[in-house]
Amino acid sequence: MRKKLMALIMAVSFMGVSSGSALAAKYCKGTVKEVDGKTMVIEIKGKCKCKVGDKVKIKPMKKKAIEGC
């Protein structure tokens, strides 16, 4: 019983660590600097594991309205 419980704890902790690092590798933040036809130049903030020629999916952030008095 004790070995099964320890194996379960090890498996769950490994899943948590590996999924966290996979999610961190997926997301990069940056600003669009230039758009020329089908070519887009993006300035990346911080580190990003994307390389030249990688296929990416870009989702623009929605701007929130600021209400005042």
N, C-alpha and C. Protein backbone atom coordinates (compact mmCIF):
# COMPACT_ATOMS: atom_id res chain seq x y z
N MET A 1 0.82 -1.20 0.00
CA MET A 1 0.00 0.00 0.00
C MET A 1 0.87 1.26 0.00
N ARG A 2 1.92 1.20 0.79
CA ARG A 2 2.79 2.36 0.91
C ARG A 2 3.52 2.66 -0.40
N LYS A 3 3.94 1.59 -1.11
CA LYS A 3 4.63 1.76 -2.38
C LYS A 3 3.70 2.33 -3.44
N LYS A 4 2.45 1.90 -3.44
CA LYS A 4 1.47 2.41 -4.41
C LYS A 4 1.20 3.89 -4.17
N LEU A 5 1.08 4.29 -2.92
CA LEU A 5 0.83 5.69 -2.59
C LEU A 5 2.02 6.55 -3.00
N MET A 6 3.23 6.06 -2.74
CA MET A 6 4.43 6.81 -3.11
C MET A 6 4.55 6.93 -4.63
N ALA A 7 4.21 5.86 -5.36
CA ALA A 7 4.25 5.89 -6.82
C ALA A 7 3.23 6.89 -7.36
N LEU A 8 2.06 6.95 -6.76
CA LEU A 8 1.03 7.90 -7.18
C LEU A 8 1.48 9.34 -6.94
N ILE A 9 2.07 9.60 -5.80
CA ILE A 9 2.56 10.95 -5.48
C ILE A 9 3.66 11.36 -6.46
N MET A 10 4.57 10.44 -6.77
CA MET A 10 5.65 10.75 -7.71
C MET A 10 5.10 11.03 -9.11
N ALA A 11 4.10 10.25 -9.54
CA ALA A 11 3.53 10.43 -10.87
C ALA A 11 2.81 11.77 -10.98
N VAL A 12 2.04 12.14 -9.98
CA VAL A 12 1.31 13.41 -9.99
C VAL A 12 2.28 14.59 -9.96
N SER A 13 3.33 14.51 -9.16
CA SER A 13 4.30 15.61 -9.10
C SER A 13 5.05 15.75 -10.42
N PHE A 14 5.38 14.63 -11.08
CA PHE A 14 6.05 14.69 -12.38
C PHE A 14 5.15 15.33 -13.42
N MET A 15 3.86 15.00 -13.42
CA MET A 15 2.92 15.59 -14.38
C MET A 15 2.82 17.10 -14.16
N GLY A 16 2.78 17.53 -12.93
CA GLY A 16 2.67 18.95 -12.63
C GLY A 16 3.89 19.73 -13.10
N VAL A 17 5.07 19.19 -12.87
CA VAL A 17 6.30 19.87 -13.27
C VAL A 17 6.43 19.91 -14.79
N SER A 18 6.14 18.81 -15.45
CA SER A 18 6.31 18.77 -16.91
C SER A 18 5.27 19.62 -17.63
N SER A 19 4.04 19.69 -17.13
CA SER A 19 3.03 20.51 -17.80
C SER A 19 3.31 21.99 -17.59
N GLY A 20 3.84 22.38 -16.47
CA GLY A 20 4.17 23.78 -16.23
C GLY A 20 5.26 24.28 -17.15
N SER A 21 6.27 23.47 -17.40
CA SER A 21 7.34 23.88 -18.30
C SER A 21 6.87 23.91 -19.75
N ALA A 22 5.95 23.03 -20.11
CA ALA A 22 5.41 23.03 -21.47
C ALA A 22 4.58 24.28 -21.73
N LEU A 23 3.81 24.71 -20.74
CA LEU A 23 3.01 25.92 -20.90
C LEU A 23 3.90 27.16 -20.98
N ALA A 24 4.97 27.18 -20.23
CA ALA A 24 5.86 28.33 -20.25
C ALA A 24 6.55 28.47 -21.61
N ALA A 25 6.77 27.36 -22.29
CA ALA A 25 7.44 27.41 -23.58
C ALA A 25 6.51 27.87 -24.69
N LYS A 26 5.21 27.80 -24.48
CA LYS A 26 4.26 28.13 -25.54
C LYS A 26 4.01 29.62 -25.70
N TYR A 27 4.08 30.39 -24.64
CA TYR A 27 3.64 31.77 -24.69
C TYR A 27 4.80 32.75 -24.73
N CYS A 28 4.74 33.67 -25.69
CA CYS A 28 5.69 34.76 -25.81
C CYS A 28 4.88 36.04 -25.94
N LYS A 29 5.35 37.11 -25.34
CA LYS A 29 4.65 38.38 -25.43
C LYS A 29 5.51 39.36 -26.21
N GLY A 30 4.84 40.22 -26.99
CA GLY A 30 5.58 41.18 -27.78
C GLY A 30 4.66 42.22 -28.38
N THR A 31 5.24 43.09 -29.20
CA THR A 31 4.51 44.18 -29.85
C THR A 31 4.75 44.12 -31.34
N VAL A 32 3.69 44.30 -32.13
CA VAL A 32 3.82 44.33 -33.58
C VAL A 32 4.44 45.65 -33.97
N LYS A 33 5.56 45.59 -34.71
CA LYS A 33 6.27 46.79 -35.13
C LYS A 33 5.96 47.18 -36.56
N GLU A 34 5.73 46.19 -37.43
CA GLU A 34 5.55 46.50 -38.84
C GLU A 34 4.75 45.38 -39.51
N VAL A 35 3.83 45.75 -40.42
CA VAL A 35 3.08 44.79 -41.22
C VAL A 35 3.24 45.20 -42.68
N ASP A 36 3.73 44.26 -43.49
CA ASP A 36 3.94 44.53 -44.91
C ASP A 36 3.38 43.35 -45.70
N GLY A 37 2.14 43.47 -46.13
CA GLY A 37 1.50 42.38 -46.86
C GLY A 37 1.30 41.17 -45.96
N LYS A 38 1.98 40.06 -46.26
CA LYS A 38 1.88 38.85 -45.45
C LYS A 38 2.99 38.73 -44.43
N THR A 39 3.87 39.73 -44.34
CA THR A 39 5.00 39.70 -43.41
C THR A 39 4.72 40.61 -42.23
N MET A 40 4.97 40.09 -41.02
CA MET A 40 4.75 40.87 -39.80
C MET A 40 6.02 40.83 -38.96
N VAL A 41 6.44 41.99 -38.47
CA VAL A 41 7.62 42.08 -37.61
C VAL A 41 7.13 42.31 -36.19
N ILE A 42 7.57 41.43 -35.27
CA ILE A 42 7.14 41.51 -33.87
C ILE A 42 8.37 41.65 -32.99
N GLU A 43 8.34 42.60 -32.06
CA GLU A 43 9.41 42.77 -31.08
C GLU A 43 9.00 41.99 -29.83
N ILE A 44 9.80 41.00 -29.44
CA ILE A 44 9.50 40.11 -28.33
C ILE A 44 10.02 40.70 -27.02
N LYS A 45 9.19 40.63 -25.97
CA LYS A 45 9.61 41.06 -24.64
C LYS A 45 10.10 39.83 -23.87
N GLY A 46 11.33 39.86 -23.42
CA GLY A 46 11.88 38.74 -22.67
C GLY A 46 12.36 37.62 -23.57
N LYS A 47 12.46 36.41 -23.01
CA LYS A 47 12.96 35.27 -23.75
C LYS A 47 11.81 34.54 -24.43
N CYS A 48 12.08 34.02 -25.61
CA CYS A 48 11.10 33.24 -26.35
C CYS A 48 11.84 32.13 -27.08
N LYS A 49 11.28 30.94 -27.10
CA LYS A 49 11.96 29.81 -27.72
C LYS A 49 11.61 29.65 -29.20
N CYS A 50 10.90 30.59 -29.79
CA CYS A 50 10.57 30.52 -31.21
C CYS A 50 11.82 30.81 -32.04
N LYS A 51 11.91 30.13 -33.17
CA LYS A 51 13.04 30.32 -34.07
C LYS A 51 12.52 30.76 -35.44
N VAL A 52 13.41 31.20 -36.30
CA VAL A 52 13.05 31.61 -37.64
C VAL A 52 12.45 30.42 -38.38
N GLY A 53 11.28 30.62 -38.97
CA GLY A 53 10.62 29.56 -39.72
C GLY A 53 9.58 28.78 -38.92
N ASP A 54 9.48 29.02 -37.60
CA ASP A 54 8.46 28.33 -36.80
C ASP A 54 7.08 28.84 -37.16
N LYS A 55 6.11 27.95 -37.17
CA LYS A 55 4.73 28.35 -37.41
C LYS A 55 4.12 28.76 -36.06
N VAL A 56 3.45 29.90 -36.05
CA VAL A 56 2.85 30.42 -34.82
C VAL A 56 1.41 30.84 -35.10
N LYS A 57 0.64 30.91 -34.04
CA LYS A 57 -0.73 31.41 -34.11
C LYS A 57 -0.78 32.68 -33.28
N ILE A 58 -1.24 33.76 -33.89
CA ILE A 58 -1.25 35.05 -33.20
C ILE A 58 -2.68 35.42 -32.87
N LYS A 59 -2.91 35.78 -31.61
CA LYS A 59 -4.24 36.18 -31.16
C LYS A 59 -4.11 37.57 -30.54
N PRO A 60 -4.69 38.59 -31.18
CA PRO A 60 -4.57 39.94 -30.63
C PRO A 60 -5.33 40.08 -29.31
N MET A 61 -4.78 40.88 -28.42
CA MET A 61 -5.43 41.12 -27.13
C MET A 61 -6.53 42.15 -27.32
N LYS A 62 -7.62 41.96 -26.58
CA LYS A 62 -8.72 42.92 -26.64
C LYS A 62 -8.40 44.09 -25.73
N LYS A 63 -8.68 45.29 -26.22
CA LYS A 63 -8.46 46.48 -25.40
C LYS A 63 -9.68 46.70 -24.53
N LYS A 64 -9.44 46.99 -23.28
CA LYS A 64 -10.53 47.22 -22.33
C LYS A 64 -10.88 48.70 -22.31
N ALA A 65 -12.16 48.98 -22.24
CA ALA A 65 -12.61 50.37 -22.16
C ALA A 65 -12.45 50.88 -20.73
N ILE A 66 -12.03 52.14 -20.62
CA ILE A 66 -11.87 52.76 -19.31
C ILE A 66 -12.98 53.78 -19.15
N GLU A 67 -13.77 53.58 -18.12
CA GLU A 67 -14.87 54.51 -17.88
C GLU A 67 -14.46 55.51 -16.82
N GLY A 68 -14.86 56.74 -17.01
CA GLY A 68 -14.52 57.78 -16.05
C GLY A 68 -15.78 58.47 -15.53
N CYS A 69 -15.58 59.34 -14.60
CA CYS A 69 -16.71 60.06 -14.01
C CYS A 69 -17.02 61.31 -14.81
